[in-house]
Amino acid sequence: MQGEDKGEKQTITCSYEVTVPPYTYYSIKTLVKEYRMNVRYIATLKGADNVTFRVKGTWSGVQAIDTYQEAFDEKNNLVEADIRPIEF
């Protein structure tokens, strides 16, 4: 949502371990990606009386959220990267 502010706020908590050698400076960059979807579907259902019928609809929601972390040394060299999905 770069450059956008839709007024929604969500708190996501993740923990990462980064080993930094003594007397070394690391800069950490974290990116959070959220994938929102609208999926049209047709479901065929069977009732208790064995009668089948169809239901149409649209599912809207968040399919996945990924976090991506990069660690850079004082010369801006990438020293570590980690990507992981966030479980709902």
PDB file of N, CA and C in Angstrom:
ATOM      1  N   MET A   1       0.830  -1.180   0.000  1.00  0.00           N
ATOM      2  CA  MET A   1       0.000   0.000   0.000  1.00  0.00           C
ATOM      3  C   MET A   1       0.878   1.248   0.000  1.00  0.00           C
ATOM      4  N   GLN A   2       1.915   1.220  -0.754  1.00  0.00           N
ATOM      5  CA  GLN A   2       2.847   2.330  -0.809  1.00  0.00           C
ATOM      6  C   GLN A   2       2.127   3.578  -1.300  1.00  0.00           C
ATOM      7  N   GLY A   3       2.281   4.651  -0.559  1.00  0.00           N
ATOM      8  CA  GLY A   3       1.688   5.909  -0.949  1.00  0.00           C
ATOM      9  C   GLY A   3       0.209   6.032  -0.661  1.00  0.00           C
ATOM     10  N   GLU A   4      -0.405   5.028  -0.103  1.00  0.00           N
ATOM     11  CA  GLU A   4      -1.832   5.065   0.184  1.00  0.00           C
ATOM     12  C   GLU A   4      -2.073   5.033   1.680  1.00  0.00           C
ATOM     13  N   ASP A   5      -3.116   5.722   2.104  1.00  0.00           N
ATOM     14  CA  ASP A   5      -3.556   5.638   3.495  1.00  0.00           C
ATOM     15  C   ASP A   5      -5.062   5.475   3.466  1.00  0.00           C
ATOM     16  N   LYS A   6      -5.520   4.267   3.693  1.00  0.00           N
ATOM     17  CA  LYS A   6      -6.946   3.980   3.634  1.00  0.00           C
ATOM     18  C   LYS A   6      -7.597   4.018   5.005  1.00  0.00           C
ATOM     19  N   GLY A   7      -6.853   4.413   6.018  1.00  0.00           N
ATOM     20  CA  GLY A   7      -7.427   4.525   7.345  1.00  0.00           C
ATOM     21  C   GLY A   7      -7.496   3.224   8.117  1.00  0.00           C
ATOM     22  N   GLU A   8      -7.110   2.115   7.515  1.00  0.00           N
ATOM     23  CA  GLU A   8      -7.122   0.843   8.229  1.00  0.00           C
ATOM     24  C   GLU A   8      -5.814   0.667   8.975  1.00  0.00           C
ATOM     25  N   LYS A   9      -5.893   0.103  10.158  1.00  0.00           N
ATOM     26  CA  LYS A   9      -4.684  -0.203  10.908  1.00  0.00           C
ATOM     27  C   LYS A   9      -4.760  -1.640  11.374  1.00  0.00           C
ATOM     28  N   GLN A  10      -3.631  -2.303  11.314  1.00  0.00           N
ATOM     29  CA  GLN A  10      -3.540  -3.691  11.751  1.00  0.00           C
ATOM     30  C   GLN A  10      -2.181  -3.871  12.396  1.00  0.00           C
ATOM     31  N   THR A  11      -2.142  -4.546  13.516  1.00  0.00           N
ATOM     32  CA  THR A  11      -0.883  -4.802  14.198  1.00  0.00           C
ATOM     33  C   THR A  11      -0.422  -6.216  13.881  1.00  0.00           C
ATOM     34  N   ILE A  12       0.807  -6.326  13.403  1.00  0.00           N
ATOM     35  CA  ILE A  12       1.415  -7.617  13.098  1.00  0.00           C
ATOM     36  C   ILE A  12       2.683  -7.712  13.922  1.00  0.00           C
ATOM     37  N   THR A  13       2.838  -8.803  14.649  1.00  0.00           N
ATOM     38  CA  THR A  13       4.027  -8.988  15.475  1.00  0.00           C
ATOM     39  C   THR A  13       4.802 -10.197  14.973  1.00  0.00           C
ATOM     40  N   CYS A  14       6.065  -9.988  14.659  1.00  0.00           N
ATOM     41  CA  CYS A  14       6.957 -11.058  14.215  1.00  0.00           C
ATOM     42  C   CYS A  14       8.274 -10.911  14.952  1.00  0.00           C
ATOM     43  N   SER A  15       8.920 -12.022  15.192  1.00  0.00           N
ATOM     44  CA  SER A  15      10.242 -11.995  15.825  1.00  0.00           C
ATOM     45  C   SER A  15      11.268 -12.569  14.862  1.00  0.00           C
ATOM     46  N   TYR A  16      12.402 -11.908  14.779  1.00  0.00           N
ATOM     47  CA  TYR A  16      13.510 -12.372  13.961  1.00  0.00           C
ATOM     48  C   TYR A  16      14.765 -12.366  14.803  1.00  0.00           C
ATOM     49  N   GLU A  17      15.613 -13.329  14.564  1.00  0.00           N
ATOM     50  CA  GLU A  17      16.911 -13.341  15.232  1.00  0.00           C
ATOM     51  C   GLU A  17      17.974 -13.012  14.201  1.00  0.00           C
ATOM     52  N   VAL A  18      18.776 -12.023  14.508  1.00  0.00           N
ATOM     53  CA  VAL A  18      19.888 -11.629  13.649  1.00  0.00           C
ATOM     54  C   VAL A  18      21.130 -11.593  14.517  1.00  0.00           C
ATOM     55  N   THR A  19      22.154 -12.332  14.130  1.00  0.00           N
ATOM     56  CA  THR A  19      23.413 -12.329  14.870  1.00  0.00           C
ATOM     57  C   THR A  19      24.307 -11.235  14.304  1.00  0.00           C
ATOM     58  N   VAL A  20      24.617 -10.266  15.137  1.00  0.00           N
ATOM     59  CA  VAL A  20      25.460  -9.145  14.725  1.00  0.00           C
ATOM     60  C   VAL A  20      26.820  -9.302  15.397  1.00  0.00           C
ATOM     61  N   PRO A  21      27.899  -9.384  14.606  1.00  0.00           N
ATOM     62  CA  PRO A  21      29.233  -9.512  15.201  1.00  0.00           C
ATOM     63  C   PRO A  21      29.554  -8.300  16.085  1.00  0.00           C
ATOM     64  N   PRO A  22      30.418  -8.477  17.082  1.00  0.00           N
ATOM     65  CA  PRO A  22      30.791  -7.362  17.953  1.00  0.00           C
ATOM     66  C   PRO A  22      31.347  -6.185  17.146  1.00  0.00           C
ATOM     67  N   TYR A  23      31.043  -4.977  17.603  1.00  0.00           N
ATOM     68  CA  TYR A  23      31.537  -3.726  17.004  1.00  0.00           C
ATOM     69  C   TYR A  23      31.114  -3.565  15.550  1.00  0.00           C
ATOM     70  N   THR A  24      29.952  -4.109  15.221  1.00  0.00           N
ATOM     71  CA  THR A  24      29.441  -4.039  13.853  1.00  0.00           C
ATOM     72  C   THR A  24      28.075  -3.374  13.864  1.00  0.00           C
ATOM     73  N   TYR A  25      27.792  -2.613  12.827  1.00  0.00           N
ATOM     74  CA  TYR A  25      26.516  -1.927  12.666  1.00  0.00           C
ATOM     75  C   TYR A  25      25.701  -2.658  11.611  1.00  0.00           C
ATOM     76  N   TYR A  26      24.452  -2.985  11.930  1.00  0.00           N
ATOM     77  CA  TYR A  26      23.537  -3.551  10.949  1.00  0.00           C
ATOM     78  C   TYR A  26      22.311  -2.656  10.854  1.00  0.00           C
ATOM     79  N   SER A  27      21.817  -2.513   9.662  1.00  0.00           N
ATOM     80  CA  SER A  27      20.565  -1.814   9.401  1.00  0.00           C
ATOM     81  C   SER A  27      19.559  -2.880   8.973  1.00  0.00           C
ATOM     82  N   ILE A  28      18.363  -2.861   9.549  1.00  0.00           N
ATOM     83  CA  ILE A  28      17.343  -3.868   9.241  1.00  0.00           C
ATOM     84  C   ILE A  28      16.198  -3.198   8.485  1.00  0.00           C
ATOM     85  N   LYS A  29      15.818  -3.793   7.369  1.00  0.00           N
ATOM     86  CA  LYS A  29      14.700  -3.297   6.563  1.00  0.00           C
ATOM     87  C   LYS A  29      13.637  -4.390   6.543  1.00  0.00           C
ATOM     88  N   THR A  30      12.401  -4.031   6.872  1.00  0.00           N
ATOM     89  CA  THR A  30      11.307  -5.001   6.885  1.00  0.00           C
ATOM     90  C   THR A  30      10.198  -4.530   5.950  1.00  0.00           C
ATOM     91  N   LEU A  31       9.705  -5.447   5.139  1.00  0.00           N
ATOM     92  CA  LEU A  31       8.621  -5.167   4.211  1.00  0.00           C
ATOM     93  C   LEU A  31       7.484  -6.140   4.513  1.00  0.00           C
ATOM     94  N   VAL A  32       6.271  -5.626   4.579  1.00  0.00           N
ATOM     95  CA  VAL A  32       5.093  -6.465   4.800  1.00  0.00           C
ATOM     96  C   VAL A  32       4.223  -6.374   3.550  1.00  0.00           C
ATOM     97  N   LYS A  33       3.898  -7.530   2.978  1.00  0.00           N
ATOM     98  CA  LYS A  33       3.035  -7.583   1.798  1.00  0.00           C
ATOM     99  C   LYS A  33       1.722  -8.251   2.182  1.00  0.00           C
ATOM    100  N   GLU A  34       0.634  -7.634   1.770  1.00  0.00           N
ATOM    101  CA  GLU A  34      -0.691  -8.179   2.044  1.00  0.00           C
ATOM    102  C   GLU A  34      -1.400  -8.364   0.708  1.00  0.00           C
ATOM    103  N   TYR A  35      -1.988  -9.525   0.511  1.00  0.00           N
ATOM    104  CA  TYR A  35      -2.668  -9.844  -0.734  1.00  0.00           C
ATOM    105  C   TYR A  35      -4.170  -9.902  -0.481  1.00  0.00           C
ATOM    106  N   ARG A  36      -4.889  -8.916  -0.997  1.00  0.00           N
ATOM    107  CA  ARG A  36      -6.349  -8.892  -0.867  1.00  0.00           C
ATOM    108  C   ARG A  36      -6.958  -9.449  -2.152  1.00  0.00           C
ATOM    109  N   MET A  37      -8.025 -10.228  -2.002  1.00  0.00           N
ATOM    110  CA  MET A  37      -8.614 -10.885  -3.165  1.00  0.00           C
ATOM    111  C   MET A  37     -10.130 -10.765  -3.147  1.00  0.00           C
ATOM    112  N   ASN A  38     -10.708 -10.802  -4.341  1.00  0.00           N
ATOM    113  CA  ASN A  38     -12.146 -10.946  -4.548  1.00  0.00           C
ATOM    114  C   ASN A  38     -12.310 -12.125  -5.499  1.00  0.00           C
ATOM    115  N   VAL A  39     -12.856 -13.229  -5.012  1.00  0.00           N
ATOM    116  CA  VAL A  39     -12.955 -14.462  -5.800  1.00  0.00           C
ATOM    117  C   VAL A  39     -14.425 -14.818  -5.995  1.00  0.00           C
ATOM    118  N   ARG A  40     -14.849 -14.859  -7.264  1.00  0.00           N
ATOM    119  CA  ARG A  40     -16.224 -15.290  -7.560  1.00  0.00           C
ATOM    120  C   ARG A  40     -16.281 -16.815  -7.555  1.00  0.00           C
ATOM    121  N   TYR A  41     -17.373 -17.362  -7.043  1.00  0.00           N
ATOM    122  CA  TYR A  41     -17.489 -18.819  -6.976  1.00  0.00           C
ATOM    123  C   TYR A  41     -18.927 -19.261  -7.208  1.00  0.00           C
ATOM    124  N   ILE A  42     -19.061 -20.527  -7.595  1.00  0.00           N
ATOM    125  CA  ILE A  42     -20.354 -21.215  -7.649  1.00  0.00           C
ATOM    126  C   ILE A  42     -20.157 -22.521  -6.894  1.00  0.00           C
ATOM    127  N   ALA A  43     -20.917 -22.716  -5.836  1.00  0.00           N
ATOM    128  CA  ALA A  43     -20.813 -23.936  -5.027  1.00  0.00           C
ATOM    129  C   ALA A  43     -22.063 -24.782  -5.239  1.00  0.00           C
ATOM    130  N   THR A  44     -21.866 -26.084  -5.402  1.00  0.00           N
ATOM    131  CA  THR A  44     -22.985 -27.017  -5.494  1.00  0.00           C
ATOM    132  C   THR A  44     -23.112 -27.711  -4.148  1.00  0.00           C
ATOM    133  N   LEU A  45     -24.264 -27.556  -3.524  1.00  0.00           N
ATOM    134  CA  LEU A  45     -24.501 -28.105  -2.186  1.00  0.00           C
ATOM    135  C   LEU A  45     -25.574 -29.178  -2.252  1.00  0.00           C
ATOM    136  N   LYS A  46     -25.477 -30.132  -1.339  1.00  0.00           N
ATOM    137  CA  LYS A  46     -26.485 -31.187  -1.249  1.00  0.00           C
ATOM    138  C   LYS A  46     -27.074 -31.144   0.152  1.00  0.00           C
ATOM    139  N   GLY A  47     -28.396 -31.019   0.215  1.00  0.00           N
ATOM    140  CA  GLY A  47     -29.074 -30.955   1.502  1.00  0.00           C
ATOM    141  C   GLY A  47     -29.270 -32.338   2.113  1.00  0.00           C
ATOM    142  N   ALA A  48     -29.793 -32.368   3.330  1.00  0.00           N
ATOM    143  CA  ALA A  48     -30.037 -33.627   4.037  1.00  0.00           C
ATOM    144  C   ALA A  48     -31.052 -34.496   3.298  1.00  0.00           C
ATOM    145  N   ASP A  49     -31.904 -33.856   2.479  1.00  0.00           N
ATOM    146  CA  ASP A  49     -32.906 -34.603   1.713  1.00  0.00           C
ATOM    147  C   ASP A  49     -32.403 -34.994   0.319  1.00  0.00           C
ATOM    148  N   ASN A  50     -31.088 -34.918   0.106  1.00  0.00           N
ATOM    149  CA  ASN A  50     -30.427 -35.267  -1.157  1.00  0.00           C
ATOM    150  C   ASN A  50     -30.739 -34.323  -2.315  1.00  0.00           C
ATOM    151  N   VAL A  51     -31.346 -33.209  -2.049  1.00  0.00           N
ATOM    152  CA  VAL A  51     -31.611 -32.222  -3.095  1.00  0.00           C
ATOM    153  C   VAL A  51     -30.363 -31.345  -3.237  1.00  0.00           C
ATOM    154  N   THR A  52     -29.894 -31.200  -4.484  1.00  0.00           N
ATOM    155  CA  THR A  52     -28.724 -30.346  -4.715  1.00  0.00           C
ATOM    156  C   THR A  52     -29.177 -28.984  -5.227  1.00  0.00           C
ATOM    157  N   PHE A  53     -28.390 -27.976  -4.895  1.00  0.00           N
ATOM    158  CA  PHE A  53     -28.663 -26.619  -5.373  1.00  0.00           C
ATOM    159  C   PHE A  53     -27.345 -25.863  -5.460  1.00  0.00           C
ATOM    160  N   ARG A  54     -27.355 -24.792  -6.225  1.00  0.00           N
ATOM    161  CA  ARG A  54     -26.145 -23.991  -6.427  1.00  0.00           C
ATOM    162  C   ARG A  54     -26.259 -22.658  -5.696  1.00  0.00           C
ATOM    163  N   VAL A  55     -25.121 -22.229  -5.213  1.00  0.00           N
ATOM    164  CA  VAL A  55     -25.025 -20.934  -4.546  1.00  0.00           C
ATOM    165  C   VAL A  55     -23.901 -20.162  -5.232  1.00  0.00           C
ATOM    166  N   LYS A  56     -24.189 -18.925  -5.645  1.00  0.00           N
ATOM    167  CA  LYS A  56     -23.172 -18.067  -6.247  1.00  0.00           C
ATOM    168  C   LYS A  56     -22.794 -16.993  -5.246  1.00  0.00           C
ATOM    169  N   GLY A  57     -21.553 -16.575  -5.314  1.00  0.00           N
ATOM    170  CA  GLY A  57     -21.134 -15.510  -4.421  1.00  0.00           C
ATOM    171  C   GLY A  57     -19.743 -15.013  -4.748  1.00  0.00           C
ATOM    172  N   THR A  58     -19.294 -14.096  -3.948  1.00  0.00           N
ATOM    173  CA  THR A  58     -17.938 -13.557  -4.056  1.00  0.00           C
ATOM    174  C   THR A  58     -17.315 -13.571  -2.678  1.00  0.00           C
ATOM    175  N   TRP A  59     -16.164 -14.214  -2.573  1.00  0.00           N
ATOM    176  CA  TRP A  59     -15.404 -14.184  -1.326  1.00  0.00           C
ATOM    177  C   TRP A  59     -14.424 -13.033  -1.421  1.00  0.00           C
ATOM    178  N   SER A  60     -14.404 -12.181  -0.405  1.00  0.00           N
ATOM    179  CA  SER A  60     -13.475 -11.055  -0.351  1.00  0.00           C
ATOM    180  C   SER A  60     -12.697 -11.141   0.942  1.00  0.00           C
ATOM    181  N   GLY A  61     -11.400 -10.965   0.858  1.00  0.00           N
ATOM    182  CA  GLY A  61     -10.610 -10.989   2.075  1.00  0.00           C
ATOM    183  C   GLY A  61      -9.128 -11.021   1.788  1.00  0.00           C
ATOM    184  N   VAL A  62      -8.369 -11.211   2.849  1.00  0.00           N
ATOM    185  CA  VAL A  62      -6.920 -11.289   2.747  1.00  0.00           C
ATOM    186  C   VAL A  62      -6.532 -12.744   2.575  1.00  0.00           C
ATOM    187  N   GLN A  63      -5.808 -13.052   1.512  1.00  0.00           N
ATOM    188  CA  GLN A  63      -5.398 -14.425   1.239  1.00  0.00           C
ATOM    189  C   GLN A  63      -4.111 -14.756   1.968  1.00  0.00           C
ATOM    190  N   ALA A  64      -3.186 -13.814   2.033  1.00  0.00           N
ATOM    191  CA  ALA A  64      -1.902 -14.094   2.669  1.00  0.00           C
ATOM    192  C   ALA A  64      -1.218 -12.793   3.054  1.00  0.00           C
ATOM    193  N   ILE A  65      -0.377 -12.890   4.041  1.00  0.00           N
ATOM    194  CA  ILE A  65       0.497 -11.784   4.419  1.00  0.00           C
ATOM    195  C   ILE A  65       1.901 -12.365   4.549  1.00  0.00           C
ATOM    196  N   ASP A  66       2.855 -11.753   3.867  1.00  0.00           N
ATOM    197  CA  ASP A  66       4.255 -12.167   3.949  1.00  0.00           C
ATOM    198  C   ASP A  66       5.075 -11.040   4.556  1.00  0.00           C
ATOM    199  N   THR A  67       6.099 -11.408   5.292  1.00  0.00           N
ATOM    200  CA  THR A  67       7.061 -10.414   5.758  1.00  0.00           C
ATOM    201  C   THR A  67       8.417 -10.757   5.165  1.00  0.00           C
ATOM    202  N   TYR A  68       9.155  -9.743   4.820  1.00  0.00           N
ATOM    203  CA  TYR A  68      10.472  -9.913   4.219  1.00  0.00           C
ATOM    204  C   TYR A  68      11.434  -9.007   4.964  1.00  0.00           C
ATOM    205  N   GLN A  69      12.493  -9.575   5.464  1.00  0.00           N
ATOM    206  CA  GLN A  69      13.463  -8.809   6.243  1.00  0.00           C
ATOM    207  C   GLN A  69      14.836  -8.918   5.606  1.00  0.00           C
ATOM    208  N   GLU A  70      15.534  -7.795   5.543  1.00  0.00           N
ATOM    209  CA  GLU A  70      16.904  -7.766   5.042  1.00  0.00           C
ATOM    210  C   GLU A  70      17.790  -7.078   6.072  1.00  0.00           C
ATOM    211  N   ALA A  71      18.992  -7.604   6.257  1.00  0.00           N
ATOM    212  CA  ALA A  71      19.980  -6.990   7.149  1.00  0.00           C
ATOM    213  C   ALA A  71      21.168  -6.546   6.303  1.00  0.00           C
ATOM    214  N   PHE A  72      21.585  -5.293   6.500  1.00  0.00           N
ATOM    215  CA  PHE A  72      22.705  -4.711   5.759  1.00  0.00           C
ATOM    216  C   PHE A  72      23.801  -4.305   6.729  1.00  0.00           C
ATOM    217  N   ASP A  73      25.058  -4.457   6.297  1.00  0.00           N
ATOM    218  CA  ASP A  73      26.168  -3.999   7.132  1.00  0.00           C
ATOM    219  C   ASP A  73      26.411  -2.506   6.896  1.00  0.00           C
ATOM    220  N   GLU A  74      27.452  -1.959   7.540  1.00  0.00           N
ATOM    221  CA  GLU A  74      27.709  -0.520   7.461  1.00  0.00           C
ATOM    222  C   GLU A  74      28.091  -0.051   6.054  1.00  0.00           C
ATOM    223  N   LYS A  75      28.484  -0.975   5.175  1.00  0.00           N
ATOM    224  CA  LYS A  75      28.804  -0.627   3.785  1.00  0.00           C
ATOM    225  C   LYS A  75      27.608  -0.882   2.863  1.00  0.00           C
ATOM    226  N   ASN A  76      26.457  -1.125   3.453  1.00  0.00           N
ATOM    227  CA  ASN A  76      25.202  -1.379   2.752  1.00  0.00           C
ATOM    228  C   ASN A  76      25.224  -2.683   1.949  1.00  0.00           C
ATOM    229  N   ASN A  77      26.039  -3.643   2.368  1.00  0.00           N
ATOM    230  CA  ASN A  77      26.046  -4.978   1.768  1.00  0.00           C
ATOM    231  C   ASN A  77      24.981  -5.831   2.443  1.00  0.00           C
ATOM    232  N   LEU A  78      24.203  -6.553   1.645  1.00  0.00           N
ATOM    233  CA  LEU A  78      23.196  -7.458   2.193  1.00  0.00           C
ATOM    234  C   LEU A  78      23.897  -8.622   2.881  1.00  0.00           C
ATOM    235  N   VAL A  79      23.629  -8.819   4.165  1.00  0.00           N
ATOM    236  CA  VAL A  79      24.277  -9.908   4.902  1.00  0.00           C
ATOM    237  C   VAL A  79      23.300 -11.016   5.275  1.00  0.00           C
ATOM    238  N   GLU A  80      22.006 -10.716   5.254  1.00  0.00           N
ATOM    239  CA  GLU A  80      21.017 -11.735   5.620  1.00  0.00           C
ATOM    240  C   GLU A  80      19.661 -11.323   5.071  1.00  0.00           C
ATOM    241  N   ALA A  81      18.865 -12.315   4.635  1.00  0.00           N
ATOM    242  CA  ALA A  81      17.508 -12.059   4.161  1.00  0.00           C
ATOM    243  C   ALA A  81      16.614 -13.198   4.627  1.00  0.00           C
ATOM    244  N   ASP A  82      15.362 -12.866   4.922  1.00  0.00           N
ATOM    245  CA  ASP A  82      14.420 -13.865   5.430  1.00  0.00           C
ATOM    246  C   ASP A  82      13.027 -13.485   4.950  1.00  0.00           C
ATOM    247  N   ILE A  83      12.298 -14.442   4.396  1.00  0.00           N
ATOM    248  CA  ILE A  83      10.907 -14.214   4.025  1.00  0.00           C
ATOM    249  C   ILE A  83      10.076 -15.297   4.679  1.00  0.00           C
ATOM    250  N   ARG A  84       8.930 -14.914   5.209  1.00  0.00           N
ATOM    251  CA  ARG A  84       8.072 -15.912   5.852  1.00  0.00           C
ATOM    252  C   ARG A  84       6.617 -15.455   5.814  1.00  0.00           C
ATOM    253  N   PRO A  85       5.707 -16.414   5.659  1.00  0.00           N
ATOM    254  CA  PRO A  85       4.287 -16.074   5.709  1.00  0.00           C
ATOM    255  C   PRO A  85       3.845 -15.880   7.156  1.00  0.00           C
ATOM    256  N   ILE A  86       2.812 -15.097   7.333  1.00  0.00           N
ATOM    257  CA  ILE A  86       2.221 -14.917   8.656  1.00  0.00           C
ATOM    258  C   ILE A  86       0.992 -15.810   8.722  1.00  0.00           C
ATOM    259  N   GLU A  87       0.919 -16.626   9.742  1.00  0.00           N
ATOM    260  CA  GLU A  87      -0.209 -17.547   9.907  1.00  0.00           C
ATOM    261  C   GLU A  87      -1.400 -16.794  10.499  1.00  0.00           C
ATOM    262  N   PHE A  88      -2.596 -17.095   9.994  1.00  0.00           N
ATOM    263  CA  PHE A  88      -3.821 -16.501  10.533  1.00  0.00           C
ATOM    264  C   PHE A  88      -4.368 -17.375  11.620  1.00  0.00           C
TER     265      PHE A  88
END
